[in-house]
């Protein structure tokens, strides 16, 4: 009897081991899928960075992670992307600080005009230890985790009419398109304009029909979206060293093994390098491109803009939510 029980136990244990091994094999055999969505058009550098991310992750993971990419707002409009990732309708998106202020008001610090002095300042902060602390806190508060910062370019003014904007006073009454979030709209007001919320995918038509008087974007975005076809002037204000943050659903991130997370981060780093290099090169060449296309390109009084814009933020409710420790670290990184 004892012998029969022993044999039966061995058989049951063996069956359990085989079942578990089979389950692990099945799980390992099915690749993890990441649905990555963004508003950018295919010619934008951060859309290219998404493709680099896909190629890198699928290659280094040996096909264990499959990335499904969607650009041009083909899945979600710009205003829907963050909520789609938070809810798990998508796994990843390319977002930015202004889209994360509702859930983390202190993030508005990174939306302030002239908060970063240069590209080097921005990438040192956001792709360094400060950025890691910022992104960890956002993940805990909102369930979406930024993984890095790609240089989108430095935002400049682009108007339908040929107008030289020297100071914020020159923007009085100008209907300036801004993305539809409180943080973006405040930036428009801080610049001195009348901010008008319009989705990026609808902006070309809004400029063409003069629904708005202008828009602000980095020069590469203005070229890639062909806004220069329906506008007449650009004023170099350098008002926001802009970055886009590849971000992932936090529950999805935590479901990945440490090895899978490292593969994802390898893709993020490759995407950052591609995006930054592409946009820095483009910015160096685009002023002449726009002049050749018939646009007037003007220089603003950047000191006047910087003083006015930062004063607007420091005297607003936005600054009351800022994390002073992070703010001091950001300022120190510029020195």
Protein backbone atom coordinates (compact mmCIF):
# COMPACT_ATOMS: atom_id res chain seq x y z
CA UNK A 1 0.00 0.00 0.00
CA UNK A 2 2.76 2.39 0.97
CA UNK A 3 4.59 1.51 -2.23
CA UNK A 4 1.49 2.29 -4.30
CA UNK A 5 1.07 5.65 -2.56
CA UNK A 6 4.73 6.45 -3.19
CA UNK A 7 4.45 5.62 -6.89
CA UNK A 8 1.26 7.64 -7.18
CA UNK A 9 2.92 10.64 -5.50
CA UNK A 10 5.87 10.46 -7.86
CA UNK A 11 3.54 10.33 -10.85
CA UNK A 12 1.53 13.32 -9.60
CA UNK A 13 4.65 15.36 -8.89
CA UNK A 14 6.08 14.46 -12.26
CA UNK A 15 2.87 15.43 -13.98
CA UNK A 16 2.87 18.76 -12.12
CA UNK A 17 6.45 19.47 -13.11
CA UNK A 18 5.72 18.67 -16.73
CA UNK A 19 2.60 20.85 -16.66
CA UNK A 20 4.53 23.76 -15.16
CA UNK A 21 7.35 23.35 -17.65
CA UNK A 22 4.84 23.23 -20.48
CA UNK A 23 3.16 26.40 -19.21
CA UNK A 24 6.51 28.21 -18.98
CA UNK A 25 7.44 27.08 -22.45
CA UNK A 26 4.10 28.28 -23.79
CA UNK A 27 4.52 31.64 -22.05
CA UNK A 28 8.09 32.00 -23.29
CA UNK A 29 7.05 31.03 -26.80
CA UNK A 30 4.48 33.81 -27.10
CA UNK A 31 6.08 37.24 -27.59
CA UNK A 32 5.11 40.17 -25.41
CA UNK A 33 3.27 42.77 -27.50
CA UNK A 34 3.67 46.52 -27.03
CA UNK A 35 1.17 48.76 -28.81
CA UNK A 36 2.93 52.11 -29.39
CA UNK A 37 0.81 55.05 -30.56
CA UNK A 38 1.62 58.67 -31.36
CA UNK A 39 0.30 61.74 -33.16
CA UNK A 40 3.51 62.50 -35.06
CA UNK A 41 3.65 62.15 -38.82
CA UNK A 42 6.11 59.58 -40.26
CA UNK A 43 8.68 62.24 -41.20
CA UNK A 44 8.93 63.55 -37.62
CA UNK A 45 12.10 62.50 -35.84
CA UNK A 46 10.22 61.05 -32.87
CA UNK A 47 8.16 58.92 -35.27
CA UNK A 48 11.48 57.74 -36.67
CA UNK A 49 12.63 57.14 -33.10
CA UNK A 50 9.58 54.93 -32.58
CA UNK A 51 10.66 52.83 -35.57
CA UNK A 52 14.21 52.66 -34.20
CA UNK A 53 12.77 51.58 -30.84
CA UNK A 54 10.77 48.83 -32.53
CA UNK A 55 13.73 47.54 -34.54
CA UNK A 56 16.08 47.65 -31.56
CA UNK A 57 13.74 45.98 -29.07
CA UNK A 58 12.70 43.22 -31.44
CA UNK A 59 16.34 42.58 -32.37
CA UNK A 60 17.89 42.53 -28.89
CA UNK A 61 15.00 40.49 -27.48
CA UNK A 62 15.34 37.91 -30.24
CA UNK A 63 11.69 38.41 -31.09
CA UNK A 64 10.49 37.90 -27.51
CA UNK A 65 9.00 41.41 -27.60
CA UNK A 66 6.95 42.56 -30.58
CA UNK A 67 6.25 46.29 -31.01
CA UNK A 68 3.17 47.39 -32.97
CA UNK A 69 3.56 51.02 -34.07
CA UNK A 70 0.89 53.57 -35.04
CA UNK A 71 1.69 57.14 -36.06
CA UNK A 72 -0.33 60.08 -37.47
CA UNK A 73 -3.02 59.78 -34.75
CA UNK A 74 -4.27 56.64 -36.49
CA UNK A 75 -5.34 55.10 -33.16
CA UNK A 76 -5.90 58.07 -30.84
CA UNK A 77 -5.96 61.85 -31.10
CA UNK A 78 -3.31 63.82 -29.23
CA UNK A 79 -5.70 64.58 -26.36
CA UNK A 80 -6.54 60.88 -25.92
CA UNK A 81 -3.10 59.29 -25.90
CA UNK A 82 -2.22 59.55 -22.21
CA UNK A 83 -5.61 58.28 -21.04
CA UNK A 84 -5.39 55.43 -23.58
CA UNK A 85 -2.07 54.30 -22.10
CA UNK A 86 -3.27 54.74 -18.52
CA UNK A 87 -6.33 52.59 -19.24
CA UNK A 88 -4.33 49.94 -21.10
CA UNK A 89 -5.96 50.57 -24.49
CA UNK A 90 -2.42 51.18 -25.68
CA UNK A 91 0.85 50.22 -24.02
CA UNK A 92 3.08 53.13 -25.02
CA UNK A 93 2.90 56.65 -26.38
CA UNK A 94 5.11 59.67 -26.97
CA UNK A 95 3.92 62.23 -24.46
CA UNK A 96 5.32 65.34 -22.76
CA UNK A 97 5.11 67.25 -19.50
CA UNK A 98 2.00 69.33 -20.38
CA UNK A 99 -0.07 66.17 -20.85
CA UNK A 100 0.87 64.88 -17.40
CA UNK A 101 0.05 67.92 -15.26
CA UNK A 102 -3.57 66.96 -14.54
CA UNK A 103 -2.47 63.90 -12.60
CA UNK A 104 0.74 65.45 -11.26
CA UNK A 105 0.34 69.25 -11.03
CA UNK A 106 3.98 69.74 -9.98
CA UNK A 107 5.06 68.54 -13.44
CA UNK A 108 3.96 71.97 -14.74
CA UNK A 109 7.46 73.09 -13.75
CA UNK A 110 8.74 71.34 -16.86
CA UNK A 111 6.17 73.09 -19.06
CA UNK A 112 7.37 76.57 -18.14
CA UNK A 113 8.85 78.65 -20.91
CA UNK A 114 12.62 79.08 -20.59
CA UNK A 115 12.89 76.46 -17.80
CA UNK A 116 15.71 74.88 -19.82
CA UNK A 117 18.44 77.06 -21.27
CA UNK A 118 19.65 74.68 -23.98
CA UNK A 119 19.47 71.17 -25.38
CA UNK A 120 22.40 70.09 -23.20
CA UNK A 121 20.63 71.44 -20.11
CA UNK A 122 17.42 69.57 -20.94
CA UNK A 123 18.97 66.20 -21.70
CA UNK A 124 21.32 66.36 -18.70
CA UNK A 125 18.32 66.83 -16.42
CA UNK A 126 15.69 64.57 -17.96
CA UNK A 127 17.96 61.72 -19.04
CA UNK A 128 19.90 61.82 -15.78
CA UNK A 129 19.22 61.11 -12.12
CA UNK A 130 16.73 63.98 -11.74
CA UNK A 131 14.73 62.66 -14.66
CA UNK A 132 14.66 59.18 -13.15
CA UNK A 133 13.25 60.59 -9.90
CA UNK A 134 10.67 62.64 -11.82
CA UNK A 135 9.57 59.68 -13.94
CA UNK A 136 9.37 57.32 -10.94
CA UNK A 137 7.08 59.74 -9.14
CA UNK A 138 4.84 60.20 -12.19
CA UNK A 139 4.53 56.42 -12.49
CA UNK A 140 3.43 56.11 -8.86
CA UNK A 141 0.93 58.95 -9.13
CA UNK A 142 -0.59 58.23 -12.54
CA UNK A 143 0.10 54.69 -13.70
CA UNK A 144 2.09 55.84 -16.73
CA UNK A 145 5.90 55.75 -16.70
CA UNK A 146 8.05 58.03 -18.88
CA UNK A 147 11.21 56.18 -19.87
CA UNK A 148 13.36 59.02 -21.21
CA UNK A 149 13.33 62.33 -23.04
CA UNK A 150 13.85 62.81 -26.77
CA UNK A 151 14.75 66.26 -28.09
CA UNK A 152 11.84 67.53 -30.14
CA UNK A 153 13.49 70.85 -30.89
CA UNK A 154 13.18 74.37 -29.54
CA UNK A 155 9.74 75.90 -30.06
CA UNK A 156 9.45 79.02 -32.23
CA UNK A 157 6.55 81.18 -33.40
CA UNK A 158 5.11 80.60 -36.88
CA UNK A 159 2.46 83.05 -38.13
CA UNK A 160 0.03 83.09 -41.05
CA UNK A 161 0.93 86.73 -41.77
CA UNK A 162 4.36 88.29 -42.21
CA UNK A 163 4.86 89.81 -38.76
CA UNK A 164 8.01 90.47 -36.78
CA UNK A 165 7.30 89.63 -33.15
CA UNK A 166 9.89 91.40 -30.99
CA UNK A 167 8.35 91.27 -27.50
CA UNK A 168 5.33 89.67 -25.81
CA UNK A 169 3.39 92.90 -26.38
CA UNK A 170 3.47 92.19 -30.12
CA UNK A 171 1.43 89.01 -29.55
CA UNK A 172 -1.54 90.84 -28.06
CA UNK A 173 -4.70 89.70 -29.86
CA UNK A 174 -2.87 86.97 -31.81
CA UNK A 175 -4.86 83.72 -31.82
CA UNK A 176 -2.05 81.26 -31.28
CA UNK A 177 -2.83 77.58 -31.62
CA UNK A 178 -1.83 75.54 -28.60
CA UNK A 179 -2.46 71.89 -27.74
CA UNK A 180 -5.56 71.44 -25.60
CA UNK A 181 -4.33 71.16 -22.03
CA UNK A 182 -4.22 73.70 -19.22
CA UNK A 183 -0.43 73.74 -19.18
CA UNK A 184 -0.14 74.38 -22.92
CA UNK A 185 -2.81 77.07 -22.85
CA UNK A 186 -1.08 78.84 -19.98
CA UNK A 187 2.16 78.90 -21.97
CA UNK A 188 0.29 80.63 -24.80
CA UNK A 189 -1.01 83.28 -22.41
CA UNK A 190 2.43 83.67 -20.80
CA UNK A 191 3.86 84.44 -24.23
CA UNK A 192 1.32 87.27 -24.56
CA UNK A 193 -1.01 85.60 -27.08
CA UNK A 194 -4.61 84.45 -27.08
CA UNK A 195 -4.21 80.64 -26.95
CA UNK A 196 -6.61 78.64 -29.11
CA UNK A 197 -6.82 74.86 -28.51
CA UNK A 198 -6.61 72.79 -31.70
CA UNK A 199 -5.43 69.21 -32.16
CA UNK A 200 -2.17 68.76 -34.06
CA UNK A 201 -3.88 66.63 -36.70
CA UNK A 202 -6.27 69.53 -37.45
CA UNK A 203 -3.70 72.32 -37.37
CA UNK A 204 -2.74 72.50 -41.05
CA UNK A 205 -6.35 73.19 -42.04
CA UNK A 206 -6.74 75.72 -39.21
CA UNK A 207 -3.74 77.67 -40.50
CA UNK A 208 -4.86 77.39 -44.11
CA UNK A 209 -8.34 78.74 -43.32
CA UNK A 210 -6.94 81.32 -40.86
CA UNK A 211 -8.98 79.88 -38.03
CA UNK A 212 -5.86 80.74 -36.03
CA UNK A 213 -3.19 83.37 -36.64
CA UNK A 214 -0.28 81.07 -35.96
CA UNK A 215 1.24 78.17 -34.09
CA UNK A 216 4.35 77.34 -32.12
CA UNK A 217 6.44 74.26 -32.74
CA UNK A 218 10.08 73.29 -33.15
CA UNK A 219 11.35 74.03 -36.65
CA UNK A 220 11.59 70.33 -37.62
CA UNK A 221 7.90 69.83 -36.77
CA UNK A 222 6.91 72.95 -38.72
CA UNK A 223 8.73 71.54 -41.75
CA UNK A 224 7.59 67.93 -41.44
CA UNK A 225 3.93 68.86 -41.01
CA UNK A 226 4.29 71.32 -43.93
CA UNK A 227 2.95 74.27 -41.93
CA UNK A 228 5.35 76.49 -43.86
CA UNK A 229 3.11 76.01 -46.91
CA UNK A 230 0.30 78.00 -45.26
CA UNK A 231 2.27 80.55 -43.19
CA UNK A 232 4.47 83.54 -43.98
CA UNK A 233 6.81 84.19 -41.08
CA UNK A 234 8.79 82.62 -38.27
CA UNK A 235 10.08 84.44 -35.20
CA UNK A 236 12.87 82.79 -33.23
CA UNK A 237 11.82 83.11 -29.59
CA UNK A 238 13.46 79.92 -28.26
CA UNK A 239 10.70 79.85 -25.66
CA UNK A 240 10.65 76.14 -24.91
CA UNK A 241 13.40 73.55 -25.26
CA UNK A 242 10.91 70.86 -26.09
CA UNK A 243 11.12 67.16 -25.42
CA UNK A 244 8.88 64.19 -25.98
CA UNK A 245 8.79 61.39 -23.45
CA UNK A 246 8.32 57.77 -24.58
CA UNK A 247 6.07 56.39 -21.84
CA UNK A 248 4.61 53.01 -20.93
CA UNK A 249 1.62 51.79 -18.93
CA UNK A 250 2.98 51.18 -15.42
CA UNK A 251 1.19 47.85 -14.94
CA UNK A 252 2.62 46.67 -18.26
CA UNK A 253 6.08 47.79 -17.20
CA UNK A 254 5.86 45.93 -13.90
CA UNK A 255 4.66 42.79 -15.72
CA UNK A 256 7.94 42.66 -17.65
CA UNK A 257 10.93 40.76 -16.32
CA UNK A 258 14.07 42.74 -15.48
CA UNK A 259 15.64 41.42 -18.69
CA UNK A 260 12.64 42.54 -20.76
CA UNK A 261 12.75 45.96 -19.11
CA UNK A 262 16.41 46.28 -20.06
CA UNK A 263 15.60 45.39 -23.68
CA UNK A 264 12.93 48.10 -23.68
CA UNK A 265 15.38 50.63 -22.22
CA UNK A 266 17.94 49.71 -24.86
CA UNK A 267 15.31 50.62 -27.45
CA UNK A 268 14.54 53.87 -25.62
CA UNK A 269 18.21 54.88 -25.60
CA UNK A 270 18.54 54.11 -29.31
CA UNK A 271 15.42 56.19 -30.00
CA UNK A 272 16.75 59.13 -27.98
CA UNK A 273 20.03 59.10 -29.87
CA UNK A 274 18.25 58.97 -33.24
CA UNK A 275 15.72 61.69 -32.41
CA UNK A 276 18.23 64.07 -30.83
CA UNK A 277 20.80 63.73 -33.61
CA UNK A 278 18.16 64.15 -36.32
CA UNK A 279 16.56 67.25 -34.81
CA UNK A 280 19.81 68.99 -33.89
CA UNK A 281 21.02 68.56 -37.47
CA UNK A 282 17.70 69.74 -38.90
CA UNK A 283 17.56 72.85 -36.73
CA UNK A 284 20.99 73.90 -37.94
CA UNK A 285 19.74 73.82 -41.54
CA UNK A 286 16.09 74.87 -41.37
CA UNK A 287 16.32 78.65 -41.04
CA UNK A 288 17.75 78.81 -44.54
CA UNK A 289 15.22 76.25 -45.76
CA UNK A 290 12.32 78.43 -44.61
CA UNK A 291 13.87 81.55 -46.13
CA UNK A 292 14.30 79.70 -49.42
CA UNK A 293 10.63 78.67 -49.15
CA UNK A 294 9.65 82.35 -49.04
CA UNK A 295 9.08 82.84 -45.33
CA UNK A 296 10.50 85.77 -43.38
CA UNK A 297 12.58 84.68 -40.39
CA UNK A 298 12.95 87.16 -37.54
CA UNK A 299 14.82 87.31 -34.23
CA UNK A 300 12.83 88.13 -31.09
CA UNK A 301 14.12 89.92 -28.01
CA UNK A 302 14.67 86.67 -26.13
CA UNK A 303 15.58 88.43 -22.88
CA UNK A 304 12.29 90.35 -22.93
CA UNK A 305 10.36 87.15 -23.60
CA UNK A 306 12.24 85.16 -20.96
CA UNK A 307 11.71 87.78 -18.25
CA UNK A 308 8.01 88.15 -19.07
CA UNK A 309 7.24 84.43 -19.40
CA UNK A 310 9.01 83.30 -16.23
CA UNK A 311 7.33 86.10 -14.27
CA UNK A 312 3.95 84.85 -15.48
CA UNK A 313 4.71 81.37 -14.19
CA UNK A 314 6.19 82.45 -10.86
CA UNK A 315 3.12 84.60 -10.17
CA UNK A 316 0.66 81.86 -11.13
CA UNK A 317 -1.00 78.99 -9.30
CA UNK A 318 1.18 76.64 -11.35
CA UNK A 319 4.32 77.55 -9.41
CA UNK A 320 2.57 76.81 -6.10
CA UNK A 321 2.60 73.12 -7.03
CA UNK A 322 6.24 72.98 -8.08
CA UNK A 323 8.64 70.70 -6.27
CA UNK A 324 11.30 73.17 -5.12
CA UNK A 325 13.89 70.42 -4.68
CA UNK A 326 13.50 69.40 -8.33
CA UNK A 327 13.43 73.06 -9.41
CA UNK A 328 16.73 73.79 -7.66
CA UNK A 329 18.31 70.70 -9.22
CA UNK A 330 17.14 71.80 -12.67
CA UNK A 331 18.59 75.28 -12.21
CA UNK A 332 21.87 73.89 -10.85
CA UNK A 333 22.28 71.66 -13.91
CA UNK A 334 22.45 74.74 -16.16
CA UNK A 335 25.61 76.03 -14.44
